[in-house]
PDB file of N, CA and C in Angstrom:
ATOM      1  N   MET A   1      17.271  10.067   2.947  1.00  0.00           N
ATOM      2  CA  MET A   1      17.067  11.485   3.284  1.00  0.00           C
ATOM      3  C   MET A   1      15.915  11.098   2.082  1.00  0.00           C
ATOM      4  N   GLY A   2      14.317  11.157   2.543  1.00  0.00           N
ATOM      5  CA  GLY A   2      13.214  11.128   1.402  1.00  0.00           C
ATOM      6  C   GLY A   2      13.080  12.876   0.561  1.00  0.00           C
ATOM      7  N   LEU A   3      12.104  12.364  -0.748  1.00  0.00           N
ATOM      8  CA  LEU A   3      12.024  13.108  -1.174  1.00  0.00           C
ATOM      9  C   LEU A   3      11.271  14.484  -1.109  1.00  0.00           C
ATOM     10  N   SER A   4      11.399  15.746  -0.788  1.00  0.00           N
ATOM     11  CA  SER A   4      10.095  16.600  -0.927  1.00  0.00           C
ATOM     12  C   SER A   4       9.833  16.756  -2.120  1.00  0.00           C
ATOM     13  N   PHE A   5       8.352  16.938  -1.789  1.00  0.00           N
ATOM     14  CA  PHE A   5       7.783  17.483  -2.713  1.00  0.00           C
ATOM     15  C   PHE A   5       8.182  18.666  -3.633  1.00  0.00           C
ATOM     16  N   THR A   6       8.785  18.896  -3.469  1.00  0.00           N
ATOM     17  CA  THR A   6       9.074  20.046  -4.895  1.00  0.00           C
ATOM     18  C   THR A   6      10.513  18.879  -6.063  1.00  0.00           C
ATOM     19  N   ASP A   7      10.552  17.999  -5.314  1.00  0.00           N
ATOM     20  CA  ASP A   7      11.683  16.889  -6.259  1.00  0.00           C
ATOM     21  C   ASP A   7      11.144  15.684  -6.615  1.00  0.00           C
ATOM     22  N   ASP A   8       9.704  15.714  -5.660  1.00  0.00           N
ATOM     23  CA  ASP A   8       8.972  14.230  -6.285  1.00  0.00           C
ATOM     24  C   ASP A   8       8.622  14.614  -7.660  1.00  0.00           C
ATOM     25  N   PRO A   9       8.748  13.740  -8.525  1.00  0.00           N
ATOM     26  CA  PRO A   9       8.404  13.721 -10.334  1.00  0.00           C
ATOM     27  C   PRO A   9       6.788  13.546 -10.000  1.00  0.00           C
ATOM     28  N   TYR A  10       6.335  12.597  -8.943  1.00  0.00           N
ATOM     29  CA  TYR A  10       4.574  12.652  -9.107  1.00  0.00           C
ATOM     30  C   TYR A  10       3.860  13.855  -8.347  1.00  0.00           C
ATOM     31  N   LEU A  11       3.395  14.359  -8.614  1.00  0.00           N
ATOM     32  CA  LEU A  11       2.133  15.636  -7.906  1.00  0.00           C
ATOM     33  C   LEU A  11       1.453  15.156  -7.415  1.00  0.00           C
ATOM     34  N   LEU A  12       1.027  13.841  -7.526  1.00  0.00           N
ATOM     35  CA  LEU A  12      -0.532  13.654  -7.027  1.00  0.00           C
ATOM     36  C   LEU A  12       0.084  12.482  -5.588  1.00  0.00           C
ATOM     37  N   ARG A  13       0.865  11.985  -5.652  1.00  0.00           N
ATOM     38  CA  ARG A  13       1.705  11.459  -4.029  1.00  0.00           C
ATOM     39  C   ARG A  13       0.559  11.761  -3.550  1.00  0.00           C
ATOM     40  N   GLY A  14       0.097  10.584  -2.865  1.00  0.00           N
ATOM     41  CA  GLY A  14      -0.458  10.639  -1.223  1.00  0.00           C
ATOM     42  C   GLY A  14      -2.464  11.233  -1.703  1.00  0.00           C
ATOM     43  N   LEU A  15      -2.250  11.700  -3.025  1.00  0.00           N
ATOM     44  CA  LEU A  15      -3.629  12.555  -3.601  1.00  0.00           C
ATOM     45  C   LEU A  15      -4.460  11.480  -3.961  1.00  0.00           C
ATOM     46  N   ALA A  16      -3.567  10.862  -4.839  1.00  0.00           N
ATOM     47  CA  ALA A  16      -4.601   9.806  -5.959  1.00  0.00           C
ATOM     48  C   ALA A  16      -4.828   8.570  -4.829  1.00  0.00           C
ATOM     49  N   ARG A  17      -6.398   8.130  -5.068  1.00  0.00           N
ATOM     50  CA  ARG A  17      -6.586   7.072  -4.400  1.00  0.00           C
ATOM     51  C   ARG A  17      -7.687   6.030  -5.426  1.00  0.00           C
ATOM     52  N   CYS A  18      -7.327   4.954  -5.239  1.00  0.00           N
ATOM     53  CA  CYS A  18      -8.383   3.671  -5.850  1.00  0.00           C
ATOM     54  C   CYS A  18      -9.911   3.897  -5.558  1.00  0.00           C
ATOM     55  N   VAL A  19     -10.945   4.182  -7.070  1.00  0.00           N
ATOM     56  CA  VAL A  19     -12.031   4.218  -7.010  1.00  0.00           C
ATOM     57  C   VAL A  19     -12.786   2.743  -6.359  1.00  0.00           C
ATOM     58  N   ARG A  20     -12.172   1.776  -6.228  1.00  0.00           N
ATOM     59  CA  ARG A  20     -12.664   0.585  -5.828  1.00  0.00           C
ATOM     60  C   ARG A  20     -12.131   0.567  -4.490  1.00  0.00           C
ATOM     61  N   CYS A  21     -11.325   0.463  -4.223  1.00  0.00           N
ATOM     62  CA  CYS A  21     -10.775  -0.481  -2.496  1.00  0.00           C
ATOM     63  C   CYS A  21     -10.411   1.749  -1.792  1.00  0.00           C
ATOM     64  N   ASP A  22     -10.669   2.552  -2.315  1.00  0.00           N
ATOM     65  CA  ASP A  22     -10.045   3.769  -1.663  1.00  0.00           C
ATOM     66  C   ASP A  22      -8.773   3.960  -1.121  1.00  0.00           C
ATOM     67  N   ARG A  23      -7.696   3.142  -1.195  1.00  0.00           N
ATOM     68  CA  ARG A  23      -6.180   3.124  -1.110  1.00  0.00           C
ATOM     69  C   ARG A  23      -5.579   4.257  -1.926  1.00  0.00           C
ATOM     70  N   PRO A  24      -4.514   4.340  -1.122  1.00  0.00           N
ATOM     71  CA  PRO A  24      -3.816   5.349  -2.217  1.00  0.00           C
ATOM     72  C   PRO A  24      -3.184   4.961  -3.032  1.00  0.00           C
ATOM     73  N   MET A  25      -3.082   5.335  -4.085  1.00  0.00           N
ATOM     74  CA  MET A  25      -2.420   4.872  -5.176  1.00  0.00           C
ATOM     75  C   MET A  25      -0.687   4.601  -5.228  1.00  0.00           C
ATOM     76  N   ASP A  26      -0.263   3.721  -5.852  1.00  0.00           N
ATOM     77  CA  ASP A  26       0.935   3.694  -5.866  1.00  0.00           C
ATOM     78  C   ASP A  26       1.381   4.294  -6.518  1.00  0.00           C
ATOM     79  N   CYS A  27       2.811   5.013  -7.191  1.00  0.00           N
ATOM     80  CA  CYS A  27       3.841   5.557  -8.050  1.00  0.00           C
ATOM     81  C   CYS A  27       4.751   4.875  -8.019  1.00  0.00           C
ATOM     82  N   GLY A  28       4.587   4.624  -9.709  1.00  0.00           N
ATOM     83  CA  GLY A  28       5.748   4.076 -10.024  1.00  0.00           C
ATOM     84  C   GLY A  28       6.001   3.956 -11.819  1.00  0.00           C
ATOM     85  N   THR A  29       6.594   3.178 -12.565  1.00  0.00           N
ATOM     86  CA  THR A  29       6.738   3.084 -13.589  1.00  0.00           C
ATOM     87  C   THR A  29       6.398   1.820 -14.552  1.00  0.00           C
ATOM     88  N   MET A  30       6.063   2.061 -15.512  1.00  0.00           N
ATOM     89  CA  MET A  30       4.920   1.018 -15.833  1.00  0.00           C
ATOM     90  C   MET A  30       5.280   0.887 -17.417  1.00  0.00           C
ATOM     91  N   ASP A  31       6.129   0.264 -17.994  1.00  0.00           N
ATOM     92  CA  ASP A  31       6.230  -0.424 -19.779  1.00  0.00           C
ATOM     93  C   ASP A  31       7.419   2.004 -19.577  1.00  0.00           C
ATOM     94  N   GLY A  32       8.150   1.724 -18.653  1.00  0.00           N
ATOM     95  CA  GLY A  32       8.942   2.793 -18.809  1.00  0.00           C
ATOM     96  C   GLY A  32       8.588   4.100 -18.798  1.00  0.00           C
ATOM     97  N   ARG A  33       7.117   4.478 -18.399  1.00  0.00           N
ATOM     98  CA  ARG A  33       6.501   5.445 -18.450  1.00  0.00           C
ATOM     99  C   ARG A  33       6.113   5.962 -16.973  1.00  0.00           C
ATOM    100  N   ARG A  34       5.559   6.718 -16.010  1.00  0.00           N
ATOM    101  CA  ARG A  34       5.253   7.309 -14.924  1.00  0.00           C
ATOM    102  C   ARG A  34       3.754   7.232 -15.096  1.00  0.00           C
ATOM    103  N   SER A  35       3.581   6.193 -13.650  1.00  0.00           N
ATOM    104  CA  SER A  35       2.043   5.613 -13.471  1.00  0.00           C
ATOM    105  C   SER A  35       1.510   5.521 -12.381  1.00  0.00           C
ATOM    106  N   TYR A  36       0.546   5.856 -11.942  1.00  0.00           N
ATOM    107  CA  TYR A  36      -0.103   5.449 -10.716  1.00  0.00           C
ATOM    108  C   TYR A  36      -1.676   4.214 -10.963  1.00  0.00           C
ATOM    109  N   GLY A  37      -0.764   3.534  -9.638  1.00  0.00           N
ATOM    110  CA  GLY A  37      -1.696   2.326 -10.060  1.00  0.00           C
ATOM    111  C   GLY A  37      -2.001   1.568  -8.346  1.00  0.00           C
ATOM    112  N   CYS A  38      -3.189   1.251  -8.733  1.00  0.00           N
ATOM    113  CA  CYS A  38      -4.036   0.471  -7.302  1.00  0.00           C
ATOM    114  C   CYS A  38      -2.882  -0.835  -6.959  1.00  0.00           C
ATOM    115  N   PRO A  39      -2.230  -0.743  -5.399  1.00  0.00           N
ATOM    116  CA  PRO A  39      -1.420  -1.664  -5.280  1.00  0.00           C
ATOM    117  C   PRO A  39      -2.471  -3.097  -5.003  1.00  0.00           C
ATOM    118  N   THR A  40      -3.349  -3.313  -4.403  1.00  0.00           N
ATOM    119  CA  THR A  40      -4.415  -4.075  -3.729  1.00  0.00           C
ATOM    120  C   THR A  40      -5.473  -4.559  -5.044  1.00  0.00           C
ATOM    121  N   CYS A  41      -5.677  -4.065  -5.743  1.00  0.00           N
ATOM    122  CA  CYS A  41      -7.075  -4.578  -6.394  1.00  0.00           C
ATOM    123  C   CYS A  41      -6.426  -5.205  -7.638  1.00  0.00           C
ATOM    124  N   PRO A  42      -6.979  -6.284  -7.582  1.00  0.00           N
ATOM    125  CA  PRO A  42      -6.288  -7.124  -8.825  1.00  0.00           C
ATOM    126  C   PRO A  42      -7.061  -6.496 -10.237  1.00  0.00           C
ATOM    127  N   ALA A  43      -6.456  -5.972 -11.317  1.00  0.00           N
ATOM    128  CA  ALA A  43      -6.613  -5.319 -12.566  1.00  0.00           C
ATOM    129  C   ALA A  43      -7.312  -4.134 -11.726  1.00  0.00           C
ATOM    130  N   GLY A  44      -6.391  -3.300 -11.127  1.00  0.00           N
ATOM    131  CA  GLY A  44      -7.260  -2.088 -10.080  1.00  0.00           C
ATOM    132  C   GLY A  44      -7.128  -1.187 -11.465  1.00  0.00           C
ATOM    133  N   PRO A  45      -7.442   0.224 -11.124  1.00  0.00           N
ATOM    134  CA  PRO A  45      -6.933   1.240 -12.013  1.00  0.00           C
ATOM    135  C   PRO A  45      -5.466   1.972 -12.118  1.00  0.00           C
ATOM    136  N   VAL A  46      -5.159   1.702 -13.549  1.00  0.00           N
ATOM    137  CA  VAL A  46      -3.802   2.366 -13.902  1.00  0.00           C
ATOM    138  C   VAL A  46      -3.688   3.538 -14.655  1.00  0.00           C
ATOM    139  N   ALA A  47      -2.792   4.327 -14.149  1.00  0.00           N
ATOM    140  CA  ALA A  47      -3.521   5.923 -14.542  1.00  0.00           C
ATOM    141  C   ALA A  47      -2.276   6.222 -15.081  1.00  0.00           C
ATOM    142  N   SER A  48      -1.772   6.575 -16.532  1.00  0.00           N
ATOM    143  CA  SER A  48      -0.963   7.269 -16.771  1.00  0.00           C
ATOM    144  C   SER A  48      -0.533   8.610 -16.161  1.00  0.00           C
ATOM    145  N   ALA A  49       0.861   8.977 -15.783  1.00  0.00           N
ATOM    146  CA  ALA A  49       0.869   9.851 -14.808  1.00  0.00           C
ATOM    147  C   ALA A  49       0.789  11.241 -14.885  1.00  0.00           C
ATOM    148  N   ARG A  50       1.252  11.816 -16.416  1.00  0.00           N
ATOM    149  CA  ARG A  50       1.215  12.256 -16.969  1.00  0.00           C
ATOM    150  C   ARG A  50      -0.201  12.808 -17.543  1.00  0.00           C
ATOM    151  N   ALA A  51      -0.997  12.148 -18.197  1.00  0.00           N
ATOM    152  CA  ALA A  51      -2.548  12.146 -18.426  1.00  0.00           C
ATOM    153  C   ALA A  51      -3.108  12.800 -17.324  1.00  0.00           C
ATOM    154  N   LEU A  52      -2.851  11.838 -15.992  1.00  0.00           N
ATOM    155  CA  LEU A  52      -3.833  11.889 -14.989  1.00  0.00           C
ATOM    156  C   LEU A  52      -3.470  13.251 -14.050  1.00  0.00           C
ATOM    157  N   GLU A  53      -2.354  13.870 -13.972  1.00  0.00           N
ATOM    158  CA  GLU A  53      -2.056  15.267 -13.848  1.00  0.00           C
ATOM    159  C   GLU A  53      -1.873  16.212 -14.250  1.00  0.00           C
ATOM    160  N   SER A  54      -1.896  16.082 -15.792  1.00  0.00           N
ATOM    161  CA  SER A  54      -2.398  17.278 -16.615  1.00  0.00           C
ATOM    162  C   SER A  54      -4.010  17.280 -16.226  1.00  0.00           C
ATOM    163  N   ARG A  55      -4.770  16.448 -16.067  1.00  0.00           N
ATOM    164  CA  ARG A  55      -6.217  16.383 -16.116  1.00  0.00           C
ATOM    165  C   ARG A  55      -6.362  17.555 -14.847  1.00  0.00           C
ATOM    166  N   VAL A  56      -5.789  16.896 -13.447  1.00  0.00           N
ATOM    167  CA  VAL A  56      -5.853  17.689 -12.590  1.00  0.00           C
ATOM    168  C   VAL A  56      -5.825  19.404 -12.595  1.00  0.00           C
ATOM    169  N   LEU A  57      -4.237  19.483 -13.289  1.00  0.00           N
ATOM    170  CA  LEU A  57      -4.158  20.725 -13.077  1.00  0.00           C
ATOM    171  C   LEU A  57      -5.069  21.542 -14.430  1.00  0.00           C
ATOM    172  N   VAL A  58      -5.575  20.963 -15.097  1.00  0.00           N
ATOM    173  CA  VAL A  58      -6.521  21.547 -16.036  1.00  0.00           C
ATOM    174  C   VAL A  58      -7.769  22.100 -15.248  1.00  0.00           C
ATOM    175  N   GLU A  59      -8.535  21.441 -14.224  1.00  0.00           N
ATOM    176  CA  GLU A  59      -9.594  21.565 -13.427  1.00  0.00           C
ATOM    177  C   GLU A  59      -8.772  22.122 -12.059  1.00  0.00           C
ATOM    178  N   ALA A  60      -7.756  22.243 -11.627  1.00  0.00           N
ATOM    179  CA  ALA A  60      -7.257  23.373 -10.843  1.00  0.00           C
ATOM    180  C   ALA A  60      -7.269  24.885 -11.190  1.00  0.00           C
ATOM    181  N   ALA A  61      -6.901  24.911 -12.783  1.00  0.00           N
ATOM    182  CA  ALA A  61      -6.774  25.842 -13.532  1.00  0.00           C
ATOM    183  C   ALA A  61      -7.761  26.680 -13.141  1.00  0.00           C
ATOM    184  N   ARG A  62      -9.161  26.060 -13.582  1.00  0.00           N
ATOM    185  CA  ARG A  62     -10.212  26.586 -13.592  1.00  0.00           C
ATOM    186  C   ARG A  62     -11.013  27.494 -12.484  1.00  0.00           C
ATOM    187  N   ARG A  63     -10.579  26.481 -11.029  1.00  0.00           N
ATOM    188  CA  ARG A  63     -10.850  26.967  -9.860  1.00  0.00           C
ATOM    189  C   ARG A  63      -9.672  28.112  -9.236  1.00  0.00           C
ATOM    190  N   THR A  64      -8.419  27.953  -9.275  1.00  0.00           N
ATOM    191  CA  THR A  64      -7.437  29.115  -8.932  1.00  0.00           C
ATOM    192  C   THR A  64      -6.444  29.666 -10.045  1.00  0.00           C
ATOM    193  N   ALA A  65      -5.280  30.120  -9.476  1.00  0.00           N
ATOM    194  CA  ALA A  65      -4.474  30.612 -10.158  1.00  0.00           C
ATOM    195  C   ALA A  65      -3.004  29.273 -10.115  1.00  0.00           C
ATOM    196  N   ILE A  66      -3.409  28.273  -9.961  1.00  0.00           N
ATOM    197  CA  ILE A  66      -2.326  27.707 -10.052  1.00  0.00           C
ATOM    198  C   ILE A  66      -1.412  27.308 -11.693  1.00  0.00           C
ATOM    199  N   ASP A  67      -1.809  27.907 -12.180  1.00  0.00           N
ATOM    200  CA  ASP A  67      -0.711  28.106 -13.411  1.00  0.00           C
ATOM    201  C   ASP A  67       0.268  28.921 -13.067  1.00  0.00           C
ATOM    202  N   ALA A  68      -0.290  30.046 -12.125  1.00  0.00           N
ATOM    203  CA  ALA A  68       0.830  30.847 -11.571  1.00  0.00           C
ATOM    204  C   ALA A  68       1.866  30.261 -10.878  1.00  0.00           C
ATOM    205  N   VAL A  69       1.632  29.649 -10.363  1.00  0.00           N
ATOM    206  CA  VAL A  69       2.520  28.770  -9.225  1.00  0.00           C
ATOM    207  C   VAL A  69       3.727  28.106 -10.247  1.00  0.00           C
ATOM    208  N   ALA A  70       4.707  28.442  -9.302  1.00  0.00           N
ATOM    209  CA  ALA A  70       5.669  27.852 -10.367  1.00  0.00           C
ATOM    210  C   ALA A  70       6.101  25.606 -10.030  1.00  0.00           C
ATOM    211  N   PRO A  71       6.472  25.649 -11.238  1.00  0.00           N
ATOM    212  CA  PRO A  71       6.300  24.149 -11.552  1.00  0.00           C
ATOM    213  C   PRO A  71       6.689  23.441 -10.288  1.00  0.00           C
ATOM    214  N   GLY A  72       7.935  23.285  -9.513  1.00  0.00           N
ATOM    215  CA  GLY A  72       8.396  22.814  -8.634  1.00  0.00           C
ATOM    216  C   GLY A  72       7.694  22.918  -7.421  1.00  0.00           C
ATOM    217  N   CYS A  73       6.737  24.104  -7.274  1.00  0.00           N
ATOM    218  CA  CYS A  73       5.678  24.057  -6.132  1.00  0.00           C
ATOM    219  C   CYS A  73       4.265  23.724  -6.330  1.00  0.00           C
ATOM    220  N   ARG A  74       4.012  23.299  -7.377  1.00  0.00           N
ATOM    221  CA  ARG A  74       2.932  22.666  -7.720  1.00  0.00           C
ATOM    222  C   ARG A  74       2.200  21.607  -7.288  1.00  0.00           C
ATOM    223  N   ALA A  75       2.667  20.389  -6.667  1.00  0.00           N
ATOM    224  CA  ALA A  75       2.558  19.275  -5.976  1.00  0.00           C
ATOM    225  C   ALA A  75       2.297  19.957  -4.352  1.00  0.00           C
ATOM    226  N   SER A  76       2.708  20.999  -3.762  1.00  0.00           N
ATOM    227  CA  SER A  76       1.998  21.758  -2.475  1.00  0.00           C
ATOM    228  C   SER A  76       1.298  22.320  -2.766  1.00  0.00           C
ATOM    229  N   ALA A  77       0.849  23.027  -3.842  1.00  0.00           N
ATOM    230  CA  ALA A  77      -0.335  23.837  -3.878  1.00  0.00           C
ATOM    231  C   ALA A  77      -1.429  22.547  -4.292  1.00  0.00           C
ATOM    232  N   LEU A  78      -1.374  21.618  -5.060  1.00  0.00           N
ATOM    233  CA  LEU A  78      -2.221  20.865  -4.917  1.00  0.00           C
ATOM    234  C   LEU A  78      -2.772  20.652  -3.651  1.00  0.00           C
ATOM    235  N   ARG A  79      -1.864  19.874  -3.133  1.00  0.00           N
ATOM    236  CA  ARG A  79      -1.899  19.540  -1.489  1.00  0.00           C
ATOM    237  C   ARG A  79      -2.790  20.202  -0.719  1.00  0.00           C
ATOM    238  N   GLN A  80      -3.038  21.709  -0.879  1.00  0.00           N
ATOM    239  CA  GLN A  80      -3.598  22.513  -0.161  1.00  0.00           C
ATOM    240  C   GLN A  80      -5.118  22.619  -0.504  1.00  0.00           C
ATOM    241  N   LEU A  81      -5.198  22.529  -1.917  1.00  0.00           N
ATOM    242  CA  LEU A  81      -6.418  22.451  -2.532  1.00  0.00           C
ATOM    243  C   LEU A  81      -7.288  21.361  -2.685  1.00  0.00           C
ATOM    244  N   LEU A  82      -6.389  20.097  -2.595  1.00  0.00           N
ATOM    245  CA  LEU A  82      -7.243  19.245  -2.491  1.00  0.00           C
ATOM    246  C   LEU A  82      -7.232  18.049  -1.107  1.00  0.00           C
ATOM    247  N   VAL A  83      -8.365  17.731  -1.203  1.00  0.00           N
ATOM    248  CA  VAL A  83      -8.650  16.246  -0.453  1.00  0.00           C
ATOM    249  C   VAL A  83      -8.122  15.136  -0.946  1.00  0.00           C
ATOM    250  N   THR A  84      -8.812  14.852  -1.930  1.00  0.00           N
ATOM    251  CA  THR A  84      -8.086  13.465  -2.733  1.00  0.00           C
ATOM    252  C   THR A  84      -8.576  13.557  -4.121  1.00  0.00           C
ATOM    253  N   VAL A  85      -7.906  13.058  -4.768  1.00  0.00           N
ATOM    254  CA  VAL A  85      -8.197  12.480  -6.413  1.00  0.00           C
ATOM    255  C   VAL A  85      -9.072  10.927  -6.643  1.00  0.00           C
ATOM    256  N   VAL A  86      -9.908  10.786  -6.371  1.00  0.00           N
ATOM    257  CA  VAL A  86     -10.006   9.264  -6.954  1.00  0.00           C
ATOM    258  C   VAL A  86     -10.155   8.909  -8.065  1.00  0.00           C
ATOM    259  N   VAL A  87      -9.463   8.106  -8.876  1.00  0.00           N
ATOM    260  CA  VAL A  87      -9.121   7.570 -10.029  1.00  0.00           C
ATOM    261  C   VAL A  87      -9.850   5.974 -10.330  1.00  0.00           C
ATOM    262  N   GLY A  88     -10.435   6.250 -11.226  1.00  0.00           N
ATOM    263  CA  GLY A  88     -11.563   4.984 -11.506  1.00  0.00           C
ATOM    264  C   GLY A  88     -10.445   3.969 -12.958  1.00  0.00           C
ATOM    265  N   PRO A  89     -11.389   3.369 -13.396  1.00  0.00           N
ATOM    266  CA  PRO A  89     -10.704   2.383 -14.283  1.00  0.00           C
ATOM    267  C   PRO A  89      -9.361   3.372 -15.630  1.00  0.00           C
ATOM    268  N   GLY A  90     -10.447   4.326 -15.527  1.00  0.00           N
ATOM    269  CA  GLY A  90      -9.268   5.315 -16.733  1.00  0.00           C
ATOM    270  C   GLY A  90      -8.861   6.638 -16.226  1.00  0.00           C
ATOM    271  N   VAL A  91      -8.350   7.448 -17.355  1.00  0.00           N
ATOM    272  CA  VAL A  91      -8.065   9.036 -16.911  1.00  0.00           C
ATOM    273  C   VAL A  91      -9.369   9.569 -16.760  1.00  0.00           C
ATOM    274  N   ASP A  92     -10.096   9.115 -17.459  1.00  0.00           N
ATOM    275  CA  ASP A  92     -11.316  10.127 -17.932  1.00  0.00           C
ATOM    276  C   ASP A  92     -12.755   9.856 -16.845  1.00  0.00           C
ATOM    277  N   ASP A  93     -12.158   8.792 -15.703  1.00  0.00           N
ATOM    278  CA  ASP A  93     -12.777   8.846 -14.082  1.00  0.00           C
ATOM    279  C   ASP A  93     -12.631   9.067 -13.332  1.00  0.00           C
ATOM    280  N   VAL A  94     -12.121  10.459 -13.079  1.00  0.00           N
ATOM    281  CA  VAL A  94     -11.580  11.135 -12.032  1.00  0.00           C
ATOM    282  C   VAL A  94     -12.618  11.491 -11.354  1.00  0.00           C
ATOM    283  N   ARG A  95     -12.469  11.660  -9.797  1.00  0.00           N
ATOM    284  CA  ARG A  95     -13.640  13.075  -8.847  1.00  0.00           C
ATOM    285  C   ARG A  95     -12.475  13.722  -8.052  1.00  0.00           C
ATOM    286  N   LEU A  96     -12.303  14.727  -8.220  1.00  0.00           N
ATOM    287  CA  LEU A  96     -11.711  15.775  -7.271  1.00  0.00           C
ATOM    288  C   LEU A  96     -12.518  16.253  -5.983  1.00  0.00           C
ATOM    289  N   HIS A  97     -11.685  16.111  -4.912  1.00  0.00           N
ATOM    290  CA  HIS A  97     -12.583  16.684  -3.800  1.00  0.00           C
ATOM    291  C   HIS A  97     -11.600  17.396  -3.147  1.00  0.00           C
ATOM    292  N   TRP A  98     -12.016  18.890  -3.161  1.00  0.00           N
ATOM    293  CA  TRP A  98     -11.407  20.284  -2.953  1.00  0.00           C
ATOM    294  C   TRP A  98     -11.927  20.412  -1.647  1.00  0.00           C
ATOM    295  N   ARG A  99     -10.495  20.745  -0.997  1.00  0.00           N
ATOM    296  CA  ARG A  99     -10.756  21.796   0.516  1.00  0.00           C
ATOM    297  C   ARG A  99     -11.375  23.028   0.186  1.00  0.00           C
ATOM    298  N   ILE A 100     -11.193  23.424  -0.893  1.00  0.00           N
ATOM    299  CA  ILE A 100     -12.267  24.759  -0.524  1.00  0.00           C
ATOM    300  C   ILE A 100     -13.215  25.026  -1.813  1.00  0.00           C
TER     301      ILE A 100
END
């Protein structure tokens, strides 16, 4: 049985994509911390999950009332709001592609 979006600790699973190859980023741990990383690009972008998710939630709060959404439902809400989150070499190089 797979994880539901409410159980998944990675808010951007399936949304985060590599700026270099446009492939979905893998979710996992690096040095004991949650992270997103490109599975195919050598030395591709790796981002701290906490920092990247925080950045996306701040941007979403500027456009929507995402703060009013229960934390366990935010991944689902983000999937309704965003098409992709393109991640560059660092957490500061992020482009959000909105549905709305």
